Amino acid sequence: MKQALYWKPLKNKTVQCQLCPKFCVIKENEYGNCKARKNTDGKLYSMVYGKAIGPNIDHIEKKPFYHFLPGSKALSFGTTGCNLHCLHCQNYDTSQATPEEIKGNQISPKEIVNLAKKNNCESIAYTYNEPTIFYEYMLDTAKLAKKEKILNVIVSNGFINPKPLKELCKYIDAANIDLKGFNNKFYKRVCSAMLEPVLETLKTLKKENVWLEVTNLIIPDENDDPSELNRMCIWLKNNLGTTTPLHFSAFYPMYKMKNKLPTSPEILFKAKDIAKKQGLKYVYIGNIMTDANNTYCPKCKNLLIKRGGFLSESYLKTNKCPECNEKIDGVL
């Protein structure tokens, strides 16, 4: 337990959390919506600080990051709790739990960094559940990691307020943001959230020079409308440029959406075609085995990084295509 950042006291020992756009007003002895921050005696505390789910050693491609240290290892960990409540959540057993329900492993930020060093991990990934809800734990770990020249990456829903995000950007090297859809009604009904704050997060990360990749998990009959996907790709191009990698991922029945069919490869390839027609240079398909996971030169189509599962083989020796000298974007 550690006193939280970004909150203010109200009357009668009530507090308001200011970490995410939900601005929870929390009565004494109650949790906020994320089930990670609790009002104790009129002060807000992080109840998941130092209580890690994991840590595990992952390939960076699993996050997914395709243009950030390909082939490297990341020490990954999360906690319990989330500020979204997606009906299709694949980690619902931890993301929708309280710290009392799942205790986690007692691991300090220093111990996390030492584990990364011991296992030759080039980065630490804050992942599994929503990392912004264990903000204090993440921030302290990231500060120590930076001193040890270990990079920090987040896999996030992007639902965070601008002030804490900008502070975090000082220590985060890369982010993969899960853009759930491009429709506010979908966000509200399926995720218990709003679209606009996520779009603001994407723009802020780009402005703060954090390496950015975007994932869009496509759910049949929910967020797979071609015109909506086209609008999303136009927005990404206009606000993030054409060089931000976009991952279209397949949905599989999970949690409260077990009645849905898995996403067909045809839908994923249609989405990729839409993105490529809008000029996005790096578009990938996830959760199925396909050559669409490989990185090709956007100019001459030369194979640059071959991927199978979560393993990758890079033919790049610099950040330029060895055939045509085209610049390949990323931290390669």
C-alpha atoms as a PDB file:
ATOM      1  CA  MET A   1       0.000   0.000   0.000  1.00  0.00           C
ATOM      2  CA  LYS A   2       1.320   3.418  -0.967  1.00  0.00           C
ATOM      3  CA  GLN A   3      -0.333   6.833  -0.970  1.00  0.00           C
ATOM      4  CA  ALA A   4      -1.568   7.547  -4.454  1.00  0.00           C
ATOM      5  CA  LEU A   5      -0.695  10.389  -6.778  1.00  0.00           C
ATOM      6  CA  TYR A   6      -3.296  12.530  -8.560  1.00  0.00           C
ATOM      7  CA  TRP A   7      -6.262  12.914  -6.216  1.00  0.00           C
ATOM      8  CA  LYS A   8      -7.817  15.618  -4.069  1.00  0.00           C
ATOM      9  CA  PRO A   9      -9.706  15.576  -0.750  1.00  0.00           C
ATOM     10  CA  LEU A  10     -13.402  16.449  -0.609  1.00  0.00           C
ATOM     11  CA  LYS A  11     -15.775  16.826   2.327  1.00  0.00           C
ATOM     12  CA  ASN A  12     -16.349  14.179   5.013  1.00  0.00           C
ATOM     13  CA  LYS A  13     -13.205  12.198   4.187  1.00  0.00           C
ATOM     14  CA  THR A  14     -14.381  11.639   0.606  1.00  0.00           C
ATOM     15  CA  VAL A  15     -11.750  11.947  -2.131  1.00  0.00           C
ATOM     16  CA  GLN A  16     -11.740  12.380  -5.895  1.00  0.00           C
ATOM     17  CA  CYS A  17      -9.249  10.405  -7.972  1.00  0.00           C
ATOM     18  CA  GLN A  18      -7.826  12.408 -10.875  1.00  0.00           C
ATOM     19  CA  LEU A  19      -5.740   9.739 -12.561  1.00  0.00           C
ATOM     20  CA  CYS A  20      -8.196   8.775 -15.306  1.00  0.00           C
ATOM     21  CA  PRO A  21     -11.167  10.436 -17.033  1.00  0.00           C
ATOM     22  CA  LYS A  22     -13.679   8.710 -14.749  1.00  0.00           C
ATOM     23  CA  PHE A  23     -12.735  11.094 -11.897  1.00  0.00           C
ATOM     24  CA  CYS A  24     -14.106   8.666  -9.290  1.00  0.00           C
ATOM     25  CA  VAL A  25     -15.534  10.201  -6.123  1.00  0.00           C
ATOM     26  CA  ILE A  26     -14.624   7.630  -3.478  1.00  0.00           C
ATOM     27  CA  LYS A  27     -16.102   7.397  -0.011  1.00  0.00           C
ATOM     28  CA  GLU A  28     -14.059   6.300   2.994  1.00  0.00           C
ATOM     29  CA  ASN A  29     -13.085   2.595   2.983  1.00  0.00           C
ATOM     30  CA  GLU A  30     -14.215   2.162  -0.625  1.00  0.00           C
ATOM     31  CA  TYR A  31     -12.375   1.411  -3.870  1.00  0.00           C
ATOM     32  CA  GLY A  32     -12.501   3.453  -7.022  1.00  0.00           C
ATOM     33  CA  ASN A  33     -13.911   2.012 -10.223  1.00  0.00           C
ATOM     34  CA  CYS A  34     -10.543   0.401 -11.055  1.00  0.00           C
ATOM     35  CA  LYS A  35     -10.459  -1.687  -7.842  1.00  0.00           C
ATOM     36  CA  ALA A  36      -6.853  -0.666  -7.283  1.00  0.00           C
ATOM     37  CA  ARG A  37      -7.080   2.670  -5.434  1.00  0.00           C
ATOM     38  CA  LYS A  38      -8.825   2.899  -2.070  1.00  0.00           C
ATOM     39  CA  ASN A  39      -9.884   5.683   0.276  1.00  0.00           C
ATOM     40  CA  THR A  40      -8.458   4.998   3.723  1.00  0.00           C
ATOM     41  CA  ASP A  41      -9.193   7.596   6.391  1.00  0.00           C
ATOM     42  CA  GLY A  42      -9.712  10.342   3.808  1.00  0.00           C
ATOM     43  CA  LYS A  43      -6.548   9.622   1.808  1.00  0.00           C
ATOM     44  CA  LEU A  44      -6.228   7.735  -1.467  1.00  0.00           C
ATOM     45  CA  TYR A  45      -3.877   4.762  -1.568  1.00  0.00           C
ATOM     46  CA  SER A  46      -2.668   2.394  -4.252  1.00  0.00           C
ATOM     47  CA  MET A  47      -3.543  -1.040  -2.924  1.00  0.00           C
ATOM     48  CA  VAL A  48      -1.604  -2.864  -5.655  1.00  0.00           C
ATOM     49  CA  TYR A  49       1.782  -1.223  -5.118  1.00  0.00           C
ATOM     50  CA  GLY A  50       4.458  -3.926  -5.017  1.00  0.00           C
ATOM     51  CA  LYS A  51       1.912  -6.695  -5.651  1.00  0.00           C
ATOM     52  CA  ALA A  52       2.910  -8.056  -9.042  1.00  0.00           C
ATOM     53  CA  ILE A  53       1.089 -10.508 -11.257  1.00  0.00           C
ATOM     54  CA  GLY A  54       4.084 -12.206 -12.849  1.00  0.00           C
ATOM     55  CA  PRO A  55       6.785 -11.238 -13.521  1.00  0.00           C
ATOM     56  CA  ASN A  56       7.460 -13.230 -16.671  1.00  0.00           C
ATOM     57  CA  ILE A  57      10.045 -13.045 -19.421  1.00  0.00           C
ATOM     58  CA  ASP A  58       8.356 -12.453 -22.781  1.00  0.00           C
ATOM     59  CA  HIS A  59       9.421 -11.825 -26.334  1.00  0.00           C
ATOM     60  CA  ILE A  60       8.773  -8.159 -27.073  1.00  0.00           C
ATOM     61  CA  GLU A  61       6.701  -9.245 -30.091  1.00  0.00           C
ATOM     62  CA  LYS A  62       4.099 -10.710 -27.712  1.00  0.00           C
ATOM     63  CA  LYS A  63       3.072  -7.255 -26.459  1.00  0.00           C
ATOM     64  CA  PRO A  64       2.859  -6.674 -29.516  1.00  0.00           C
ATOM     65  CA  PHE A  65       5.792  -4.459 -30.492  1.00  0.00           C
ATOM     66  CA  TYR A  66       7.049  -5.066 -34.029  1.00  0.00           C
ATOM     67  CA  HIS A  67       9.208  -1.968 -34.502  1.00  0.00           C
ATOM     68  CA  PHE A  68      10.771  -1.748 -31.061  1.00  0.00           C
ATOM     69  CA  LEU A  69      13.831  -3.868 -30.247  1.00  0.00           C
ATOM     70  CA  PRO A  70      12.716  -6.831 -32.396  1.00  0.00           C
ATOM     71  CA  GLY A  71      13.897 -10.183 -31.070  1.00  0.00           C
ATOM     72  CA  SER A  72      14.586  -8.822 -27.586  1.00  0.00           C
ATOM     73  CA  LYS A  73      13.247  -9.959 -24.216  1.00  0.00           C
ATOM     74  CA  ALA A  74      11.020  -7.938 -21.892  1.00  0.00           C
ATOM     75  CA  LEU A  75      10.377  -8.532 -18.216  1.00  0.00           C
ATOM     76  CA  SER A  76       6.584  -8.292 -18.030  1.00  0.00           C
ATOM     77  CA  PHE A  77       4.348  -7.758 -15.036  1.00  0.00           C
ATOM     78  CA  GLY A  78       0.981  -6.355 -14.034  1.00  0.00           C
ATOM     79  CA  THR A  79      -1.303  -6.257 -11.005  1.00  0.00           C
ATOM     80  CA  THR A  80      -5.022  -6.639 -10.408  1.00  0.00           C
ATOM     81  CA  GLY A  81      -7.633  -4.083 -11.468  1.00  0.00           C
ATOM     82  CA  CYS A  82      -8.571  -2.015 -14.513  1.00  0.00           C
ATOM     83  CA  ASN A  83     -10.374   1.258 -15.204  1.00  0.00           C
ATOM     84  CA  LEU A  84     -12.219  -0.340 -18.151  1.00  0.00           C
ATOM     85  CA  HIS A  85     -14.606  -3.272 -17.959  1.00  0.00           C
ATOM     86  CA  CYS A  86     -14.491  -4.715 -21.469  1.00  0.00           C
ATOM     87  CA  LEU A  87     -17.045  -7.449 -22.075  1.00  0.00           C
ATOM     88  CA  HIS A  88     -14.434  -9.364 -24.083  1.00  0.00           C
ATOM     89  CA  CYS A  89     -11.477  -8.999 -21.689  1.00  0.00           C
ATOM     90  CA  GLN A  90      -8.996 -11.865 -22.006  1.00  0.00           C
ATOM     91  CA  ASN A  91      -7.436 -11.161 -18.591  1.00  0.00           C
ATOM     92  CA  TYR A  92     -10.711 -10.643 -16.715  1.00  0.00           C
ATOM     93  CA  ASP A  93      -9.674 -12.973 -13.871  1.00  0.00           C
ATOM     94  CA  THR A  94      -7.085 -10.419 -12.748  1.00  0.00           C
ATOM     95  CA  SER A  95      -8.276  -7.173 -14.350  1.00  0.00           C
ATOM     96  CA  GLN A  96     -11.685  -7.355 -12.687  1.00  0.00           C
ATOM     97  CA  ALA A  97     -10.381  -8.554  -9.304  1.00  0.00           C
ATOM     98  CA  THR A  98      -9.451  -6.694  -6.135  1.00  0.00           C
ATOM     99  CA  PRO A  99      -6.066  -7.086  -4.370  1.00  0.00           C
ATOM    100  CA  GLU A 100      -7.846  -9.083  -1.661  1.00  0.00           C
ATOM    101  CA  GLU A 101      -9.113 -11.609  -4.209  1.00  0.00           C
ATOM    102  CA  ILE A 102      -5.715 -12.144  -5.854  1.00  0.00           C
ATOM    103  CA  LYS A 103      -2.754 -11.356  -3.631  1.00  0.00           C
ATOM    104  CA  GLY A 104      -0.012 -11.130  -6.250  1.00  0.00           C
ATOM    105  CA  ASN A 105       3.715 -11.488  -5.571  1.00  0.00           C
ATOM    106  CA  GLN A 106       5.425  -9.059  -3.204  1.00  0.00           C
ATOM    107  CA  ILE A 107       8.102  -7.542  -5.464  1.00  0.00           C
ATOM    108  CA  SER A 108       9.559  -4.069  -5.051  1.00  0.00           C
ATOM    109  CA  PRO A 109      10.478  -1.808  -7.972  1.00  0.00           C
ATOM    110  CA  LYS A 110      14.163  -2.435  -7.242  1.00  0.00           C
ATOM    111  CA  GLU A 111      13.613  -6.194  -7.351  1.00  0.00           C
ATOM    112  CA  ILE A 112      11.792  -5.873 -10.692  1.00  0.00           C
ATOM    113  CA  VAL A 113      14.745  -3.989 -12.173  1.00  0.00           C
ATOM    114  CA  ASN A 114      17.239  -6.495 -10.759  1.00  0.00           C
ATOM    115  CA  LEU A 115      15.252  -9.366 -12.293  1.00  0.00           C
ATOM    116  CA  ALA A 116      15.353  -7.626 -15.668  1.00  0.00           C
ATOM    117  CA  LYS A 117      19.120  -7.213 -15.401  1.00  0.00           C
ATOM    118  CA  LYS A 118      19.642 -10.801 -14.248  1.00  0.00           C
ATOM    119  CA  ASN A 119      17.672 -12.155 -17.214  1.00  0.00           C
ATOM    120  CA  ASN A 120      19.270  -9.841 -19.796  1.00  0.00           C
ATOM    121  CA  CYS A 121      15.977  -8.123 -20.587  1.00  0.00           C
ATOM    122  CA  GLU A 122      16.399  -4.943 -22.589  1.00  0.00           C
ATOM    123  CA  SER A 123      13.058  -3.608 -21.398  1.00  0.00           C
ATOM    124  CA  ILE A 124      10.415  -3.833 -18.698  1.00  0.00           C
ATOM    125  CA  ALA A 125       6.828  -4.162 -19.931  1.00  0.00           C
ATOM    126  CA  TYR A 126       3.950  -2.892 -17.805  1.00  0.00           C
ATOM    127  CA  THR A 127       1.166  -5.103 -19.089  1.00  0.00           C
ATOM    128  CA  TYR A 128      -1.369  -7.921 -18.458  1.00  0.00           C
ATOM    129  CA  ASN A 129      -3.883  -5.552 -16.824  1.00  0.00           C
ATOM    130  CA  GLU A 130      -4.098  -1.772 -17.325  1.00  0.00           C
ATOM    131  CA  PRO A 131      -0.747  -0.298 -16.173  1.00  0.00           C
ATOM    132  CA  THR A 132      -2.035   3.215 -15.556  1.00  0.00           C
ATOM    133  CA  ILE A 133      -4.051   1.967 -12.563  1.00  0.00           C
ATOM    134  CA  PHE A 134      -0.803   0.849 -10.875  1.00  0.00           C
ATOM    135  CA  TYR A 135       0.684   4.199 -11.790  1.00  0.00           C
ATOM    136  CA  GLU A 136       2.853   4.694  -8.691  1.00  0.00           C
ATOM    137  CA  TYR A 137       4.335   1.182  -8.909  1.00  0.00           C
ATOM    138  CA  MET A 138       5.031   1.632 -12.616  1.00  0.00           C
ATOM    139  CA  LEU A 139       6.496   5.113 -12.235  1.00  0.00           C
ATOM    140  CA  ASP A 140       8.896   4.138  -9.430  1.00  0.00           C
ATOM    141  CA  THR A 141      10.025   1.063 -11.358  1.00  0.00           C
ATOM    142  CA  ALA A 142      10.466   2.995 -14.595  1.00  0.00           C
ATOM    143  CA  LYS A 143      12.613   5.645 -12.884  1.00  0.00           C
ATOM    144  CA  LEU A 144      14.952   2.981 -11.489  1.00  0.00           C
ATOM    145  CA  ALA A 145      15.035   1.123 -14.806  1.00  0.00           C
ATOM    146  CA  LYS A 146      16.028   4.260 -16.683  1.00  0.00           C
ATOM    147  CA  LYS A 147      19.008   4.747 -14.367  1.00  0.00           C
ATOM    148  CA  GLU A 148      20.099   1.198 -15.244  1.00  0.00           C
ATOM    149  CA  LYS A 149      19.654   1.863 -18.975  1.00  0.00           C
ATOM    150  CA  ILE A 150      16.727  -0.559 -19.189  1.00  0.00           C
ATOM    151  CA  LEU A 151      13.908   0.667 -21.426  1.00  0.00           C
ATOM    152  CA  ASN A 152      10.257   0.888 -20.337  1.00  0.00           C
ATOM    153  CA  VAL A 153       7.211  -0.052 -22.409  1.00  0.00           C
ATOM    154  CA  ILE A 154       3.501   0.042 -21.634  1.00  0.00           C
ATOM    155  CA  VAL A 155       0.622  -1.943 -23.106  1.00  0.00           C
ATOM    156  CA  SER A 156      -2.344   0.243 -22.269  1.00  0.00           C
ATOM    157  CA  ASN A 157      -5.936   1.158 -23.038  1.00  0.00           C
ATOM    158  CA  GLY A 158      -4.830   4.799 -23.087  1.00  0.00           C
ATOM    159  CA  PHE A 159      -7.574   5.890 -20.673  1.00  0.00           C
ATOM    160  CA  ILE A 160      -5.562   8.321 -18.556  1.00  0.00           C
ATOM    161  CA  ASN A 161      -5.663  12.060 -17.893  1.00  0.00           C
ATOM    162  CA  PRO A 162      -3.144  14.375 -19.601  1.00  0.00           C
ATOM    163  CA  LYS A 163      -1.184  15.505 -16.518  1.00  0.00           C
ATOM    164  CA  PRO A 164      -0.193  12.046 -15.206  1.00  0.00           C
ATOM    165  CA  LEU A 165       0.414  10.884 -18.787  1.00  0.00           C
ATOM    166  CA  LYS A 166       2.894  13.681 -19.480  1.00  0.00           C
ATOM    167  CA  GLU A 167       4.788  12.868 -16.285  1.00  0.00           C
ATOM    168  CA  LEU A 168       4.902   9.199 -17.283  1.00  0.00           C
ATOM    169  CA  CYS A 169       6.191  10.067 -20.756  1.00  0.00           C
ATOM    170  CA  LYS A 170       9.486  11.217 -19.199  1.00  0.00           C
ATOM    171  CA  TYR A 171      10.289   7.587 -18.391  1.00  0.00           C
ATOM    172  CA  ILE A 172       8.418   5.513 -20.986  1.00  0.00           C
ATOM    173  CA  ASP A 173      10.175   4.599 -24.223  1.00  0.00           C
ATOM    174  CA  ALA A 174       7.376   2.843 -26.108  1.00  0.00           C
ATOM    175  CA  ALA A 175       3.617   2.328 -25.873  1.00  0.00           C
ATOM    176  CA  ASN A 176       1.186   0.002 -27.553  1.00  0.00           C
ATOM    177  CA  ILE A 177      -2.280   1.489 -27.159  1.00  0.00           C
ATOM    178  CA  ASP A 178      -5.349  -0.703 -27.540  1.00  0.00           C
ATOM    179  CA  LEU A 179      -7.722   1.417 -29.595  1.00  0.00           C
ATOM    180  CA  LYS A 180     -10.873  -0.590 -28.923  1.00  0.00           C
ATOM    181  CA  GLY A 181     -12.901   0.886 -31.770  1.00  0.00           C
ATOM    182  CA  PHE A 182     -13.750   4.209 -33.364  1.00  0.00           C
ATOM    183  CA  ASN A 183     -17.238   4.691 -32.012  1.00  0.00           C
ATOM    184  CA  ASN A 184     -18.101   6.278 -28.670  1.00  0.00           C
ATOM    185  CA  LYS A 185     -21.258   4.182 -28.315  1.00  0.00           C
ATOM    186  CA  PHE A 186     -19.155   1.033 -28.658  1.00  0.00           C
ATOM    187  CA  TYR A 187     -16.701   2.320 -26.056  1.00  0.00           C
ATOM    188  CA  LYS A 188     -19.506   3.069 -23.609  1.00  0.00           C
ATOM    189  CA  ARG A 189     -21.491  -0.143 -24.122  1.00  0.00           C
ATOM    190  CA  VAL A 190     -18.657  -2.652 -24.445  1.00  0.00           C
ATOM    191  CA  CYS A 191     -15.823  -1.046 -22.478  1.00  0.00           C
ATOM    192  CA  SER A 192     -17.515   1.300 -19.947  1.00  0.00           C
ATOM    193  CA  ALA A 193     -15.390   4.158 -21.219  1.00  0.00           C
ATOM    194  CA  MET A 194     -15.124   6.966 -23.777  1.00  0.00           C
ATOM    195  CA  LEU A 195     -13.229   7.244 -27.048  1.00  0.00           C
ATOM    196  CA  GLU A 196     -12.020  10.855 -26.944  1.00  0.00           C
ATOM    197  CA  PRO A 197      -9.580  10.536 -23.996  1.00  0.00           C
ATOM    198  CA  VAL A 198      -7.889   7.618 -25.746  1.00  0.00           C
ATOM    199  CA  LEU A 199      -7.421   9.697 -28.895  1.00  0.00           C
ATOM    200  CA  GLU A 200      -5.910  12.479 -26.783  1.00  0.00           C
ATOM    201  CA  THR A 201      -3.509   9.953 -25.243  1.00  0.00           C
ATOM    202  CA  LEU A 202      -2.389   8.829 -28.688  1.00  0.00           C
ATOM    203  CA  LYS A 203      -1.699  12.410 -29.747  1.00  0.00           C
ATOM    204  CA  THR A 204       0.192  13.148 -26.528  1.00  0.00           C
ATOM    205  CA  LEU A 205       2.403  10.066 -26.835  1.00  0.00           C
ATOM    206  CA  LYS A 206       3.259  11.037 -30.399  1.00  0.00           C
ATOM    207  CA  LYS A 207       4.030  14.610 -29.368  1.00  0.00           C
ATOM    208  CA  GLU A 208       6.216  13.451 -26.465  1.00  0.00           C
ATOM    209  CA  ASN A 209       8.272  11.237 -28.829  1.00  0.00           C
ATOM    210  CA  VAL A 210       7.321   7.952 -27.198  1.00  0.00           C
ATOM    211  CA  TRP A 211       7.570   5.156 -29.798  1.00  0.00           C
ATOM    212  CA  LEU A 212       3.954   4.286 -30.511  1.00  0.00           C
ATOM    213  CA  GLU A 213       2.150   1.264 -31.927  1.00  0.00           C
ATOM    214  CA  VAL A 214      -1.635   0.809 -32.046  1.00  0.00           C
ATOM    215  CA  THR A 215      -3.687  -2.373 -31.690  1.00  0.00           C
ATOM    216  CA  ASN A 216      -7.285  -2.724 -32.798  1.00  0.00           C
ATOM    217  CA  LEU A 217      -8.983  -5.995 -31.846  1.00  0.00           C
ATOM    218  CA  ILE A 218     -11.827  -6.576 -34.289  1.00  0.00           C
ATOM    219  CA  ILE A 219     -15.036  -8.127 -32.918  1.00  0.00           C
ATOM    220  CA  PRO A 220     -17.543  -9.396 -35.515  1.00  0.00           C
ATOM    221  CA  ASP A 221     -20.687  -7.239 -35.733  1.00  0.00           C
ATOM    222  CA  GLU A 222     -19.372  -4.894 -33.036  1.00  0.00           C
ATOM    223  CA  ASN A 223     -16.503  -2.776 -34.374  1.00  0.00           C
ATOM    224  CA  ASP A 224     -15.859  -4.303 -37.819  1.00  0.00           C
ATOM    225  CA  ASP A 225     -17.838  -1.897 -39.988  1.00  0.00           C
ATOM    226  CA  PRO A 226     -15.602  -1.039 -42.989  1.00  0.00           C
ATOM    227  CA  SER A 227     -16.604   2.642 -43.001  1.00  0.00           C
ATOM    228  CA  GLU A 228     -15.743   2.920 -39.319  1.00  0.00           C
ATOM    229  CA  LEU A 229     -12.408   1.201 -39.851  1.00  0.00           C
ATOM    230  CA  ASN A 230     -11.741   3.599 -42.712  1.00  0.00           C
ATOM    231  CA  ARG A 231     -12.494   6.619 -40.495  1.00  0.00           C
ATOM    232  CA  MET A 232     -10.160   5.238 -37.855  1.00  0.00           C
ATOM    233  CA  CYS A 233      -7.344   4.805 -40.350  1.00  0.00           C
ATOM    234  CA  ILE A 234      -7.847   8.345 -41.664  1.00  0.00           C
ATOM    235  CA  TRP A 235      -7.646   9.669 -38.098  1.00  0.00           C
ATOM    236  CA  LEU A 236      -4.467   7.675 -37.411  1.00  0.00           C
ATOM    237  CA  LYS A 237      -2.869   8.956 -40.609  1.00  0.00           C
ATOM    238  CA  ASN A 238      -3.818  12.583 -39.944  1.00  0.00           C
ATOM    239  CA  ASN A 239      -2.853  12.619 -36.271  1.00  0.00           C
ATOM    240  CA  LEU A 240      -0.058  10.058 -35.904  1.00  0.00           C
ATOM    241  CA  GLY A 241       1.332   9.938 -39.422  1.00  0.00           C
ATOM    242  CA  THR A 242       1.744   7.008 -41.778  1.00  0.00           C
ATOM    243  CA  THR A 243       4.647   5.373 -39.932  1.00  0.00           C
ATOM    244  CA  THR A 244       2.859   4.315 -36.721  1.00  0.00           C
ATOM    245  CA  PRO A 245       2.454   0.503 -36.833  1.00  0.00           C
ATOM    246  CA  LEU A 246      -1.141  -0.719 -36.688  1.00  0.00           C
ATOM    247  CA  HIS A 247      -2.012  -4.232 -35.503  1.00  0.00           C
ATOM    248  CA  PHE A 248      -5.408  -5.718 -36.341  1.00  0.00           C
ATOM    249  CA  SER A 249      -6.051  -8.602 -33.942  1.00  0.00           C
ATOM    250  CA  ALA A 250      -8.524 -11.456 -34.038  1.00  0.00           C
ATOM    251  CA  PHE A 251     -11.179 -11.750 -31.322  1.00  0.00           C
ATOM    252  CA  TYR A 252     -11.869 -15.088 -29.656  1.00  0.00           C
ATOM    253  CA  PRO A 253     -14.947 -15.698 -27.455  1.00  0.00           C
ATOM    254  CA  MET A 254     -14.122 -14.655 -23.901  1.00  0.00           C
ATOM    255  CA  TYR A 255     -15.595 -13.431 -20.604  1.00  0.00           C
ATOM    256  CA  LYS A 256     -19.042 -11.932 -21.299  1.00  0.00           C
ATOM    257  CA  MET A 257     -18.806 -12.334 -25.082  1.00  0.00           C
ATOM    258  CA  LYS A 258     -18.660 -16.111 -25.298  1.00  0.00           C
ATOM    259  CA  ASN A 259     -21.635 -16.109 -27.655  1.00  0.00           C
ATOM    260  CA  LYS A 260     -19.657 -14.316 -30.378  1.00  0.00           C
ATOM    261  CA  LEU A 261     -17.861 -16.050 -33.228  1.00  0.00           C
ATOM    262  CA  PRO A 262     -14.105 -15.603 -33.616  1.00  0.00           C
ATOM    263  CA  THR A 263     -12.941 -12.995 -36.109  1.00  0.00           C
ATOM    264  CA  SER A 264     -12.507 -14.494 -39.570  1.00  0.00           C
ATOM    265  CA  PRO A 265      -9.227 -13.998 -41.459  1.00  0.00           C
ATOM    266  CA  GLU A 266     -11.265 -12.355 -44.237  1.00  0.00           C
ATOM    267  CA  ILE A 267     -12.334  -9.517 -41.907  1.00  0.00           C
ATOM    268  CA  LEU A 268      -8.742  -8.968 -40.751  1.00  0.00           C
ATOM    269  CA  PHE A 269      -7.358  -8.857 -44.290  1.00  0.00           C
ATOM    270  CA  LYS A 270     -10.143  -6.495 -45.344  1.00  0.00           C
ATOM    271  CA  ALA A 271      -9.160  -4.188 -42.471  1.00  0.00           C
ATOM    272  CA  LYS A 272      -5.523  -4.369 -43.534  1.00  0.00           C
ATOM    273  CA  ASP A 273      -6.472  -3.433 -47.105  1.00  0.00           C
ATOM    274  CA  ILE A 274      -8.417  -0.418 -45.811  1.00  0.00           C
ATOM    275  CA  ALA A 275      -5.420   0.745 -43.782  1.00  0.00           C
ATOM    276  CA  LYS A 276      -2.983   0.271 -46.655  1.00  0.00           C
ATOM    277  CA  LYS A 277      -5.268   2.196 -49.039  1.00  0.00           C
ATOM    278  CA  GLN A 278      -5.143   5.102 -46.579  1.00  0.00           C
ATOM    279  CA  GLY A 279      -1.361   5.045 -46.828  1.00  0.00           C
ATOM    280  CA  LEU A 280      -0.379   3.455 -43.517  1.00  0.00           C
ATOM    281  CA  LYS A 281       3.039   1.881 -44.065  1.00  0.00           C
ATOM    282  CA  TYR A 282       3.158  -0.810 -41.401  1.00  0.00           C
ATOM    283  CA  VAL A 283      -0.030  -2.830 -40.965  1.00  0.00           C
ATOM    284  CA  TYR A 284      -0.074  -6.230 -39.274  1.00  0.00           C
ATOM    285  CA  ILE A 285      -2.514  -9.002 -38.476  1.00  0.00           C
ATOM    286  CA  GLY A 286      -2.345 -10.606 -35.047  1.00  0.00           C
ATOM    287  CA  ASN A 287      -3.645 -13.727 -33.292  1.00  0.00           C
ATOM    288  CA  ILE A 288      -3.429 -15.852 -36.443  1.00  0.00           C
ATOM    289  CA  MET A 289      -0.473 -17.381 -38.271  1.00  0.00           C
ATOM    290  CA  THR A 290       0.125 -15.405 -41.456  1.00  0.00           C
ATOM    291  CA  ASP A 291       2.842 -13.701 -43.469  1.00  0.00           C
ATOM    292  CA  ALA A 292       1.032 -10.470 -42.586  1.00  0.00           C
ATOM    293  CA  ASN A 293       3.034 -10.548 -39.334  1.00  0.00           C
ATOM    294  CA  ASN A 294       6.270  -9.962 -41.269  1.00  0.00           C
ATOM    295  CA  THR A 295       7.778  -6.535 -41.850  1.00  0.00           C
ATOM    296  CA  TYR A 296       8.385  -5.625 -45.481  1.00  0.00           C
ATOM    297  CA  CYS A 297      10.007  -2.541 -46.904  1.00  0.00           C
ATOM    298  CA  PRO A 298       7.182  -0.100 -47.718  1.00  0.00           C
ATOM    299  CA  LYS A 299       9.017   0.932 -50.894  1.00  0.00           C
ATOM    300  CA  CYS A 300      10.505  -2.197 -52.517  1.00  0.00           C
ATOM    301  CA  LYS A 301       8.576  -4.868 -50.519  1.00  0.00           C
ATOM    302  CA  ASN A 302      11.795  -6.636 -49.467  1.00  0.00           C
ATOM    303  CA  LEU A 303      11.348  -8.936 -46.438  1.00  0.00           C
ATOM    304  CA  LEU A 304      13.012  -7.237 -43.466  1.00  0.00           C
ATOM    305  CA  ILE A 305      11.775  -9.044 -40.347  1.00  0.00           C
ATOM    306  CA  LYS A 306      10.326 -12.545 -40.472  1.00  0.00           C
ATOM    307  CA  ARG A 307       8.011 -13.545 -37.620  1.00  0.00           C
ATOM    308  CA  GLY A 308       6.656 -16.905 -36.539  1.00  0.00           C
ATOM    309  CA  GLY A 309       4.637 -17.014 -33.335  1.00  0.00           C
ATOM    310  CA  PHE A 310       6.420 -14.588 -31.039  1.00  0.00           C
ATOM    311  CA  LEU A 311       9.857 -15.179 -32.551  1.00  0.00           C
ATOM    312  CA  SER A 312      11.416 -12.872 -35.095  1.00  0.00           C
ATOM    313  CA  GLU A 313      14.411 -12.947 -37.409  1.00  0.00           C
ATOM    314  CA  SER A 314      15.630  -9.560 -38.567  1.00  0.00           C
ATOM    315  CA  TYR A 315      17.581  -8.958 -41.758  1.00  0.00           C
ATOM    316  CA  LEU A 316      18.156  -5.324 -40.838  1.00  0.00           C
ATOM    317  CA  LYS A 317      21.651  -4.186 -39.903  1.00  0.00           C
ATOM    318  CA  THR A 318      20.670  -0.522 -39.754  1.00  0.00           C
ATOM    319  CA  ASN A 319      17.336   1.304 -39.873  1.00  0.00           C
ATOM    320  CA  LYS A 320      17.418   1.247 -43.675  1.00  0.00           C
ATOM    321  CA  CYS A 321      16.286  -1.392 -46.143  1.00  0.00           C
ATOM    322  CA  PRO A 322      19.392  -3.263 -47.403  1.00  0.00           C
ATOM    323  CA  GLU A 323      17.915  -3.411 -50.931  1.00  0.00           C
ATOM    324  CA  CYS A 324      16.688   0.134 -51.618  1.00  0.00           C
ATOM    325  CA  ASN A 325      17.999   2.175 -48.657  1.00  0.00           C
ATOM    326  CA  GLU A 326      14.463   3.214 -47.596  1.00  0.00           C
ATOM    327  CA  LYS A 327      14.281   4.347 -43.964  1.00  0.00           C
ATOM    328  CA  ILE A 328      12.472   1.811 -41.745  1.00  0.00           C
ATOM    329  CA  ASP A 329      10.800   3.466 -38.776  1.00  0.00           C
ATOM    330  CA  GLY A 330      11.145   2.334 -35.200  1.00  0.00           C
ATOM    331  CA  VAL A 331      13.705   1.546 -32.528  1.00  0.00           C
ATOM    332  CA  LEU A 332      15.441  -1.160 -34.528  1.00  0.00           C
END
